[in-house]
Amino acid sequence: MSERQEAIMRVIRSWIVEHGQAPTIRQIGERVGLSSTSSVAYQLGRLEGWGLITRTGRGWKTCRLGSPKPPPGRGLRSR
């Protein structure tokens, strides 16, 4: 996981604790220094793909912390 993705995860965790729901894409971008909402959405999509966050609806504001699965390409290879 990149430093930016770790920062996004910290923002989501702290925001949920403080506000009881996930932040918007713009709120996440402001906190991690990304002005492009598509860049934030891309990073959220990667985190969702790894199972670190899940969504209960279509928007990112419905995201919740999930159970992580290992990122693709990581782990043991069999011979």
N, C-alpha and C. Protein backbone atom coordinates (compact mmCIF):
# COMPACT_ATOMS: atom_id res chain seq x y z
N MET A 1 0.85 -1.17 0.00
CA MET A 1 0.00 0.00 0.00
C MET A 1 0.90 1.24 0.00
N SER A 2 0.55 2.20 -0.82
CA SER A 2 1.35 3.42 -0.92
C SER A 2 1.09 4.33 0.28
N GLU A 3 1.98 5.31 0.44
CA GLU A 3 1.80 6.29 1.53
C GLU A 3 0.48 7.04 1.37
N ARG A 4 0.15 7.37 0.12
CA ARG A 4 -1.10 8.10 -0.12
C ARG A 4 -2.31 7.26 0.27
N GLN A 5 -2.29 5.96 -0.07
CA GLN A 5 -3.39 5.07 0.30
C GLN A 5 -3.49 4.92 1.81
N GLU A 6 -2.35 4.86 2.49
CA GLU A 6 -2.35 4.81 3.95
C GLU A 6 -2.96 6.08 4.53
N ALA A 7 -2.62 7.23 3.93
CA ALA A 7 -3.17 8.51 4.39
C ALA A 7 -4.69 8.54 4.19
N ILE A 8 -5.14 8.02 3.05
CA ILE A 8 -6.58 7.97 2.79
C ILE A 8 -7.28 7.09 3.81
N MET A 9 -6.69 5.95 4.13
CA MET A 9 -7.27 5.06 5.14
C MET A 9 -7.35 5.74 6.50
N ARG A 10 -6.30 6.50 6.87
CA ARG A 10 -6.31 7.22 8.15
C ARG A 10 -7.44 8.25 8.17
N VAL A 11 -7.61 8.97 7.05
CA VAL A 11 -8.67 9.98 6.96
C VAL A 11 -10.03 9.31 7.12
N ILE A 12 -10.25 8.21 6.43
CA ILE A 12 -11.55 7.53 6.51
C ILE A 12 -11.81 7.05 7.93
N ARG A 13 -10.80 6.40 8.55
CA ARG A 13 -10.97 5.90 9.93
C ARG A 13 -11.33 7.03 10.89
N SER A 14 -10.53 8.11 10.86
CA SER A 14 -10.76 9.19 11.81
C SER A 14 -12.08 9.90 11.55
N TRP A 15 -12.44 10.06 10.27
CA TRP A 15 -13.70 10.74 9.94
C TRP A 15 -14.90 9.93 10.43
N ILE A 16 -14.85 8.62 10.24
CA ILE A 16 -15.94 7.76 10.70
C ILE A 16 -16.08 7.84 12.21
N VAL A 17 -14.96 7.86 12.93
CA VAL A 17 -14.99 7.96 14.39
C VAL A 17 -15.60 9.30 14.81
N GLU A 18 -15.19 10.38 14.16
CA GLU A 18 -15.66 11.72 14.51
C GLU A 18 -17.10 12.00 14.09
N HIS A 19 -17.50 11.52 12.89
CA HIS A 19 -18.77 11.92 12.30
C HIS A 19 -19.79 10.79 12.15
N GLY A 20 -19.36 9.56 12.35
CA GLY A 20 -20.28 8.43 12.24
C GLY A 20 -20.56 7.97 10.83
N GLN A 21 -19.95 8.58 9.85
CA GLN A 21 -20.10 8.18 8.45
C GLN A 21 -18.82 8.55 7.71
N ALA A 22 -18.66 8.02 6.52
CA ALA A 22 -17.45 8.27 5.74
C ALA A 22 -17.44 9.68 5.17
N PRO A 23 -16.24 10.20 4.88
CA PRO A 23 -16.14 11.52 4.25
C PRO A 23 -16.46 11.45 2.76
N THR A 24 -16.71 12.60 2.17
CA THR A 24 -16.91 12.67 0.72
C THR A 24 -15.55 12.59 0.03
N ILE A 25 -15.58 12.39 -1.27
CA ILE A 25 -14.34 12.35 -2.05
C ILE A 25 -13.60 13.68 -1.91
N ARG A 26 -14.31 14.78 -1.97
CA ARG A 26 -13.68 16.10 -1.85
C ARG A 26 -13.04 16.28 -0.47
N GLN A 27 -13.71 15.83 0.57
CA GLN A 27 -13.16 15.94 1.93
C GLN A 27 -11.89 15.10 2.07
N ILE A 28 -11.89 13.92 1.49
CA ILE A 28 -10.69 13.07 1.52
C ILE A 28 -9.57 13.77 0.77
N GLY A 29 -9.86 14.28 -0.42
CA GLY A 29 -8.86 14.96 -1.23
C GLY A 29 -8.23 16.15 -0.51
N GLU A 30 -9.06 16.95 0.17
CA GLU A 30 -8.55 18.10 0.92
C GLU A 30 -7.58 17.66 2.01
N ARG A 31 -7.89 16.57 2.67
CA ARG A 31 -7.06 16.10 3.80
C ARG A 31 -5.75 15.45 3.36
N VAL A 32 -5.73 14.85 2.18
CA VAL A 32 -4.50 14.17 1.73
C VAL A 32 -3.75 14.95 0.65
N GLY A 33 -4.27 16.11 0.26
CA GLY A 33 -3.57 16.94 -0.70
C GLY A 33 -3.80 16.58 -2.16
N LEU A 34 -4.96 16.01 -2.48
CA LEU A 34 -5.31 15.71 -3.87
C LEU A 34 -6.45 16.63 -4.29
N SER A 35 -6.24 17.41 -5.34
CA SER A 35 -7.31 18.30 -5.79
C SER A 35 -8.22 17.62 -6.81
N SER A 36 -7.73 16.54 -7.42
CA SER A 36 -8.52 15.83 -8.42
C SER A 36 -9.40 14.77 -7.76
N THR A 37 -10.72 14.91 -7.92
CA THR A 37 -11.62 13.92 -7.34
C THR A 37 -11.47 12.57 -8.03
N SER A 38 -11.07 12.58 -9.30
CA SER A 38 -10.89 11.30 -9.99
C SER A 38 -9.68 10.55 -9.44
N SER A 39 -8.65 11.26 -9.00
CA SER A 39 -7.50 10.62 -8.37
C SER A 39 -7.89 9.98 -7.04
N VAL A 40 -8.71 10.68 -6.27
CA VAL A 40 -9.19 10.11 -5.00
C VAL A 40 -10.05 8.88 -5.29
N ALA A 41 -10.95 8.98 -6.25
CA ALA A 41 -11.82 7.85 -6.59
C ALA A 41 -11.00 6.65 -7.06
N TYR A 42 -9.94 6.90 -7.81
CA TYR A 42 -9.06 5.81 -8.25
C TYR A 42 -8.44 5.10 -7.05
N GLN A 43 -7.91 5.87 -6.11
CA GLN A 43 -7.30 5.28 -4.92
C GLN A 43 -8.33 4.52 -4.09
N LEU A 44 -9.53 5.07 -3.98
CA LEU A 44 -10.59 4.37 -3.24
C LEU A 44 -10.96 3.06 -3.93
N GLY A 45 -10.98 3.07 -5.25
CA GLY A 45 -11.25 1.85 -6.00
C GLY A 45 -10.21 0.78 -5.74
N ARG A 46 -8.95 1.17 -5.67
CA ARG A 46 -7.88 0.22 -5.35
C ARG A 46 -8.07 -0.35 -3.94
N LEU A 47 -8.37 0.52 -2.99
CA LEU A 47 -8.58 0.07 -1.61
C LEU A 47 -9.79 -0.86 -1.52
N GLU A 48 -10.82 -0.56 -2.30
CA GLU A 48 -12.00 -1.41 -2.32
C GLU A 48 -11.66 -2.77 -2.93
N GLY A 49 -10.86 -2.77 -3.97
CA GLY A 49 -10.46 -4.01 -4.61
C GLY A 49 -9.69 -4.93 -3.68
N TRP A 50 -8.93 -4.34 -2.78
CA TRP A 50 -8.17 -5.13 -1.81
C TRP A 50 -9.00 -5.50 -0.60
N GLY A 51 -10.25 -5.01 -0.53
CA GLY A 51 -11.12 -5.35 0.58
C GLY A 51 -10.90 -4.50 1.82
N LEU A 52 -10.11 -3.43 1.71
CA LEU A 52 -9.86 -2.57 2.86
C LEU A 52 -11.05 -1.69 3.18
N ILE A 53 -11.84 -1.37 2.15
CA ILE A 53 -13.08 -0.64 2.35
C ILE A 53 -14.16 -1.31 1.51
N THR A 54 -15.40 -1.13 1.93
CA THR A 54 -16.54 -1.61 1.17
C THR A 54 -17.57 -0.49 1.11
N ARG A 55 -18.50 -0.62 0.17
CA ARG A 55 -19.57 0.38 0.05
C ARG A 55 -20.91 -0.31 0.22
N THR A 56 -21.83 0.36 0.89
CA THR A 56 -23.19 -0.17 1.02
C THR A 56 -24.10 0.42 -0.04
N GLY A 57 -23.63 1.43 -0.73
CA GLY A 57 -24.40 2.06 -1.80
C GLY A 57 -23.47 2.41 -2.95
N ARG A 58 -23.97 3.22 -3.85
CA ARG A 58 -23.19 3.56 -5.04
C ARG A 58 -22.09 4.58 -4.74
N GLY A 59 -22.37 5.52 -3.86
CA GLY A 59 -21.41 6.59 -3.57
C GLY A 59 -20.36 6.20 -2.55
N TRP A 60 -19.24 6.93 -2.57
CA TRP A 60 -18.15 6.65 -1.64
C TRP A 60 -18.49 7.06 -0.22
N LYS A 61 -19.47 7.93 -0.05
CA LYS A 61 -19.85 8.34 1.31
C LYS A 61 -20.43 7.16 2.10
N THR A 62 -20.81 6.09 1.40
CA THR A 62 -21.36 4.92 2.08
C THR A 62 -20.28 3.89 2.40
N CYS A 63 -19.00 4.26 2.22
CA CYS A 63 -17.94 3.27 2.44
C CYS A 63 -17.75 2.98 3.92
N ARG A 64 -17.35 1.77 4.19
CA ARG A 64 -17.04 1.27 5.53
C ARG A 64 -15.71 0.56 5.47
N LEU A 65 -15.08 0.41 6.60
CA LEU A 65 -13.83 -0.33 6.65
C LEU A 65 -14.14 -1.81 6.50
N GLY A 66 -13.34 -2.49 5.70
CA GLY A 66 -13.57 -3.91 5.43
C GLY A 66 -12.46 -4.77 5.99
N SER A 67 -12.51 -6.05 5.66
CA SER A 67 -11.47 -6.99 6.05
C SER A 67 -10.48 -7.10 4.89
N PRO A 68 -9.22 -6.79 5.15
CA PRO A 68 -8.27 -6.77 4.03
C PRO A 68 -7.96 -8.14 3.48
N LYS A 69 -7.78 -8.18 2.16
CA LYS A 69 -7.24 -9.36 1.50
C LYS A 69 -5.94 -8.93 0.87
N PRO A 70 -5.00 -9.83 0.68
CA PRO A 70 -3.69 -9.40 0.17
C PRO A 70 -3.80 -8.80 -1.22
N PRO A 71 -3.02 -7.74 -1.47
CA PRO A 71 -3.01 -7.14 -2.80
C PRO A 71 -2.54 -8.15 -3.85
N PRO A 72 -3.02 -8.06 -5.08
CA PRO A 72 -2.60 -8.99 -6.12
C PRO A 72 -1.10 -8.92 -6.34
N GLY A 73 -0.52 -10.08 -6.64
CA GLY A 73 0.90 -10.13 -6.90
C GLY A 73 1.75 -10.26 -5.67
N ARG A 74 1.13 -10.32 -4.51
CA ARG A 74 1.87 -10.49 -3.27
C ARG A 74 1.63 -11.87 -2.72
N GLY A 75 2.62 -12.43 -2.11
CA GLY A 75 2.44 -13.74 -1.50
C GLY A 75 3.41 -14.76 -2.07
N LEU A 76 3.24 -15.99 -1.68
CA LEU A 76 4.14 -17.06 -2.09
C LEU A 76 3.74 -17.61 -3.45
N ARG A 77 4.74 -17.96 -4.23
CA ARG A 77 4.50 -18.60 -5.52
C ARG A 77 4.84 -20.07 -5.39
N SER A 78 4.05 -20.89 -6.02
CA SER A 78 4.39 -22.31 -6.03
C SER A 78 5.21 -22.60 -7.28
N ARG A 79 6.05 -23.60 -7.20
CA ARG A 79 6.91 -23.92 -8.36
C ARG A 79 6.35 -25.06 -9.13
